[in-house]
């Protein structure tokens, strides 16, 4: 059963087409990896899905409803939530308050929102920073905070934009395991990432984008063996 259907999705900026006629269907509880060179349109695709940008053409159907042109808040209400590659926490506020603000979207009382925020903070293993200002967190902590704020919205579909970028291998491994747990709990995930070891460890299918278009889509092992993917993104050394 499909949870997300993207049909002929296109976004142009003053003559530059950033996303060009993308069609993709994501099954409920699937883990879809997305790779491609810088400028391929991956982050723009996420912005279109999450309502941050209106499409030039095409439509987005989520859980049976056409959400094309919906506001980001309404899209999040529906259960489609994204993280950002550039983290933007409220730096002077505590980790708890940052996550509680997101939790208020689902839990209207302050007490319930903070209780849910604490549960999410514990899940992403930020409990020792719960009362620390978010601006004091190391990069790995900021990545976990960005993930916590998204999880506090209780997503059905989670769009992860380079959640591992800037981390050393020892910091990546526990986050990869955390993403596995989130997915095992029933959350559908779309995952933009450049770290191929993580992409191959997590993805059930792999979408490759280049110049705004789909270059390849399918089984990850078959996709990375595609000569077009090797030429456009992976390079002969990786092959």
Protein backbone atom coordinates (compact mmCIF):
# COMPACT_ATOMS: atom_id res chain seq x y z
CA UNK A 1 0.00 0.00 0.00
CA UNK A 2 1.43 3.40 -0.98
CA UNK A 3 1.66 6.20 1.55
CA UNK A 4 3.11 8.84 -0.80
CA UNK A 5 2.59 9.39 -4.51
CA UNK A 6 4.60 12.04 -6.33
CA UNK A 7 3.33 12.75 -9.84
CA UNK A 8 5.15 14.85 -12.45
CA UNK A 9 6.55 17.06 -9.67
CA UNK A 10 8.43 20.02 -11.11
CA UNK A 11 9.94 23.20 -9.65
CA UNK A 12 11.50 25.97 -11.72
CA UNK A 13 13.24 29.14 -10.53
CA UNK A 14 13.58 31.89 -13.14
CA UNK A 15 14.31 29.46 -15.93
CA UNK A 16 16.30 26.95 -13.84
CA UNK A 17 14.46 23.67 -13.32
CA UNK A 18 15.56 22.29 -9.94
CA UNK A 19 13.13 19.34 -9.88
CA UNK A 20 12.03 18.05 -13.25
CA UNK A 21 9.02 15.75 -13.72
CA UNK A 22 9.72 13.44 -10.76
CA UNK A 23 7.38 10.48 -10.32
CA UNK A 24 7.85 8.22 -7.30
CA UNK A 25 5.63 6.12 -5.07
CA UNK A 26 6.66 5.32 -1.50
CA UNK A 27 5.07 2.39 0.27
CA UNK A 28 3.81 2.58 3.83
CA UNK A 29 6.70 1.69 6.21
CA UNK A 30 9.30 1.78 3.43
CA UNK A 31 12.84 3.12 3.88
CA UNK A 32 13.76 4.94 0.66
CA UNK A 33 17.30 6.26 0.23
CA UNK A 34 17.98 9.22 -2.07
CA UNK A 35 21.41 10.06 -3.46
CA UNK A 36 22.83 12.28 -6.16
CA UNK A 37 25.40 14.98 -6.80
CA UNK A 38 25.14 18.43 -5.25
CA UNK A 39 22.51 20.43 -7.12
CA UNK A 40 20.57 17.32 -8.15
CA UNK A 41 17.35 18.63 -6.60
CA UNK A 42 17.16 16.39 -3.52
CA UNK A 43 16.61 19.12 -0.92
CA UNK A 44 14.25 20.99 -3.26
CA UNK A 45 12.23 17.78 -3.59
CA UNK A 46 11.91 17.62 0.20
CA UNK A 47 10.85 21.28 0.32
CA UNK A 48 8.11 20.56 -2.22
CA UNK A 49 6.88 17.51 -0.30
CA UNK A 50 6.87 19.34 3.06
CA UNK A 51 5.09 22.44 1.77
CA UNK A 52 8.00 24.88 2.03
CA UNK A 53 7.86 25.47 -1.74
CA UNK A 54 4.89 25.37 -4.14
CA UNK A 55 5.44 23.22 -7.22
CA UNK A 56 5.49 24.68 -10.70
CA UNK A 57 3.71 21.55 -11.91
CA UNK A 58 2.60 18.17 -10.61
CA UNK A 59 1.05 16.97 -7.39
CA UNK A 60 1.77 15.26 -4.08
CA UNK A 61 -0.68 12.73 -2.66
CA UNK A 62 -0.11 11.68 0.95
CA UNK A 63 -2.19 9.01 2.66
CA UNK A 64 -4.83 9.29 -0.06
CA UNK A 65 -5.13 13.10 0.09
CA UNK A 66 -3.84 15.61 -2.44
CA UNK A 67 -1.64 17.88 -0.29
CA UNK A 68 -0.20 19.92 -3.16
CA UNK A 69 0.11 23.54 -2.09
CA UNK A 70 -0.66 22.89 1.57
CA UNK A 71 1.18 24.98 4.15
CA UNK A 72 4.08 23.34 6.05
CA UNK A 73 2.01 23.34 9.25
CA UNK A 74 -0.90 21.57 7.56
CA UNK A 75 1.44 19.05 5.93
CA UNK A 76 3.01 18.34 9.34
CA UNK A 77 -0.47 17.96 10.83
CA UNK A 78 -1.14 15.29 8.21
CA UNK A 79 1.95 13.39 9.39
CA UNK A 80 4.62 14.32 6.84
CA UNK A 81 7.59 15.89 8.67
CA UNK A 82 11.10 16.87 7.58
CA UNK A 83 14.46 17.64 9.13
CA UNK A 84 16.87 20.25 7.78
CA UNK A 85 20.48 19.84 6.74
CA UNK A 86 21.23 23.21 8.37
CA UNK A 87 20.02 22.87 11.97
CA UNK A 88 18.09 25.86 13.31
CA UNK A 89 17.34 25.34 17.01
CA UNK A 90 16.42 28.16 19.38
CA UNK A 91 19.96 28.40 20.69
CA UNK A 92 19.26 30.21 23.96
CA UNK A 93 16.47 27.80 24.89
CA UNK A 94 16.99 24.43 26.53
CA UNK A 95 16.84 21.17 24.64
CA UNK A 96 13.61 20.39 26.48
CA UNK A 97 11.98 23.67 25.47
CA UNK A 98 13.06 23.23 21.83
CA UNK A 99 11.42 19.82 21.65
CA UNK A 100 8.38 20.87 23.70
CA UNK A 101 7.60 23.63 21.17
CA UNK A 102 7.34 20.96 18.48
CA UNK A 103 5.38 18.65 20.80
CA UNK A 104 2.80 21.41 21.34
CA UNK A 105 1.74 20.80 17.74
CA UNK A 106 0.25 17.48 18.88
CA UNK A 107 -0.27 18.04 22.62
CA UNK A 108 -2.07 21.27 23.44
CA UNK A 109 -1.48 21.34 27.19
CA UNK A 110 1.95 22.45 28.40
CA UNK A 111 2.21 19.47 30.76
CA UNK A 112 1.41 16.91 28.06
CA UNK A 113 3.78 18.56 25.56
CA UNK A 114 6.69 18.56 28.01
CA UNK A 115 5.99 14.96 29.00
CA UNK A 116 6.04 13.89 25.35
CA UNK A 117 9.16 15.99 24.75
CA UNK A 118 10.97 14.20 27.58
CA UNK A 119 10.04 10.83 26.08
CA UNK A 120 11.42 11.85 22.70
CA UNK A 121 14.60 13.32 24.23
CA UNK A 122 15.21 10.05 26.03
CA UNK A 123 14.64 8.11 22.83
CA UNK A 124 17.27 10.09 20.90
CA UNK A 125 19.66 9.81 23.87
CA UNK A 126 19.86 13.50 24.67
CA UNK A 127 18.63 13.12 28.27
CA UNK A 128 21.91 14.37 29.78
CA UNK A 129 21.46 17.63 27.85
CA UNK A 130 17.78 18.08 28.66
CA UNK A 131 18.23 21.40 30.51
CA UNK A 132 21.25 22.62 28.52
CA UNK A 133 20.88 25.47 26.04
CA UNK A 134 20.72 23.97 22.57
CA UNK A 135 23.47 26.31 21.40
CA UNK A 136 25.93 24.49 23.65
CA UNK A 137 25.42 21.10 21.96
CA UNK A 138 28.16 19.51 19.84
CA UNK A 139 27.35 18.72 16.20
CA UNK A 140 26.21 15.17 16.99
CA UNK A 141 23.91 16.54 19.68
CA UNK A 142 22.44 19.11 17.31
CA UNK A 143 21.72 16.34 14.80
CA UNK A 144 19.90 14.38 17.49
CA UNK A 145 17.99 17.51 18.52
CA UNK A 146 16.86 18.10 14.94
CA UNK A 147 15.65 14.51 14.83
CA UNK A 148 13.93 14.89 18.22
CA UNK A 149 12.01 17.96 17.09
CA UNK A 150 10.76 16.05 14.05
CA UNK A 151 9.80 12.99 16.11
CA UNK A 152 7.89 15.18 18.58
CA UNK A 153 5.48 15.88 15.71
CA UNK A 154 4.69 12.13 15.59
CA UNK A 155 5.31 11.66 11.86
CA UNK A 156 4.02 8.88 9.66
CA UNK A 157 6.55 9.87 6.98
CA UNK A 158 9.90 11.34 8.00
CA UNK A 159 12.07 13.22 5.50
CA UNK A 160 15.69 13.15 6.68
CA UNK A 161 18.04 15.60 4.96
CA UNK A 162 21.67 14.54 5.56
CA UNK A 163 21.17 13.72 9.23
CA UNK A 164 24.67 12.18 9.32
CA UNK A 165 26.56 15.02 7.63
CA UNK A 166 29.47 16.37 9.64
CA UNK A 167 29.70 13.37 11.96
CA UNK A 168 32.70 11.10 12.41
CA UNK A 169 32.14 7.32 11.98
CA UNK A 170 31.90 6.70 15.74
CA UNK A 171 29.07 9.26 15.93
CA UNK A 172 27.25 7.90 12.90
CA UNK A 173 26.83 4.31 14.08
CA UNK A 174 24.44 4.98 17.00
CA UNK A 175 22.33 7.33 14.87
CA UNK A 176 22.07 4.69 12.14
CA UNK A 177 20.85 2.25 14.78
CA UNK A 178 18.37 4.85 16.05
CA UNK A 179 17.00 5.32 12.52
CA UNK A 180 16.54 1.55 12.24
CA UNK A 181 14.54 1.59 15.47
CA UNK A 182 12.36 4.49 14.32
CA UNK A 183 11.64 2.69 11.06
CA UNK A 184 10.93 -0.59 12.88
CA UNK A 185 8.32 1.27 14.94
CA UNK A 186 6.33 1.90 11.76
CA UNK A 187 7.60 5.26 10.51
CA UNK A 188 8.11 5.54 6.76
CA UNK A 189 11.45 7.21 5.97
CA UNK A 190 12.88 9.07 2.97
CA UNK A 191 16.59 9.62 3.55
CA UNK A 192 18.87 11.99 1.62
CA UNK A 193 22.48 11.13 2.37
CA UNK A 194 25.98 11.19 0.84
CA UNK A 195 27.50 8.58 3.17
CA UNK A 196 27.10 5.47 1.06
CA UNK A 197 27.77 2.97 3.85
CA UNK A 198 24.72 4.35 5.69
CA UNK A 199 22.64 4.52 2.52
CA UNK A 200 23.32 0.86 1.74
CA UNK A 201 22.79 -0.24 5.35
CA UNK A 202 19.37 1.40 5.64
CA UNK A 203 17.70 1.68 2.24
CA UNK A 204 15.16 -0.82 0.98
CA UNK A 205 15.03 1.02 -2.34
CA UNK A 206 17.32 3.68 -3.71
CA UNK A 207 16.44 6.74 -5.79
CA UNK A 208 19.23 8.49 -7.66
CA UNK A 209 18.66 12.06 -8.84
CA UNK A 210 20.73 14.07 -11.30
CA UNK A 211 19.93 17.48 -12.79
CA UNK A 212 16.53 17.44 -11.10
CA UNK A 213 15.42 14.15 -12.64
CA UNK A 214 15.21 10.53 -11.59
CA UNK A 215 18.30 8.76 -12.91
CA UNK A 216 17.63 5.35 -11.36
CA UNK A 217 15.25 3.78 -8.86
CA UNK A 218 15.17 0.27 -7.44
CA UNK A 219 17.11 -2.29 -5.46
CA UNK A 220 20.16 -0.54 -3.94
CA UNK A 221 22.69 -3.14 -5.11
CA UNK A 222 21.39 -3.00 -8.66
CA UNK A 223 21.18 0.79 -8.66
CA UNK A 224 24.78 1.36 -7.57
CA UNK A 225 25.96 -1.03 -10.28
CA UNK A 226 24.19 1.02 -12.96
CA UNK A 227 26.85 2.59 -15.24
CA UNK A 228 24.82 5.83 -15.39
CA UNK A 229 24.90 6.13 -11.59
CA UNK A 230 28.62 5.40 -11.47
CA UNK A 231 29.29 8.05 -14.09
CA UNK A 232 27.00 10.71 -12.64
CA UNK A 233 27.69 10.27 -8.95
CA UNK A 234 29.68 7.36 -7.53
CA UNK A 235 32.75 7.44 -9.78
CA UNK A 236 34.92 4.60 -10.96
CA UNK A 237 36.85 4.40 -7.68
CA UNK A 238 33.67 3.54 -5.79
CA UNK A 239 32.62 1.02 -8.44
